[in-house]
Amino acid sequence: MNNLVKLGLVIHFHDNFREKDVFLLYVTIPELAEYLSINEQRVKSLILQGKIRAIHDGKQYLVNKGQFTTYFEQVEKYKLMIQDYLHEPIPEDIDVKDED
């Protein structure tokens, strides 16, 4: 828990809190690269560009995995919308008139 204090994180815990739960929220660059299915250099580049928020603890970057939850939920939502659109039946009686 001392590492979290050094990082300046203020966290409020509930009664059934376990210390390891906090560390599951943060992942290292190799873990994030595997989670996102991209290489580690790309992850580090995105962190340095500020496109991925991260904390540097003096030895390594730690990334809050939760920042990707909304993104992945939206991607799944759009996939379902596209599938619904593609599976929508075409009306059999198409009333198309040639204006020539």
Foldseek 3Di string as FASTA:
>chain_A
DVLCVLQVDDDDDDDVDDPVVVVVQKDFLVVVCVVVVHDSVVSVVCCVVVVFPWGDSPPTTIGGPVVCVVVVVVVVVVVVVVVVVVPDDDDPDDDDDDPD
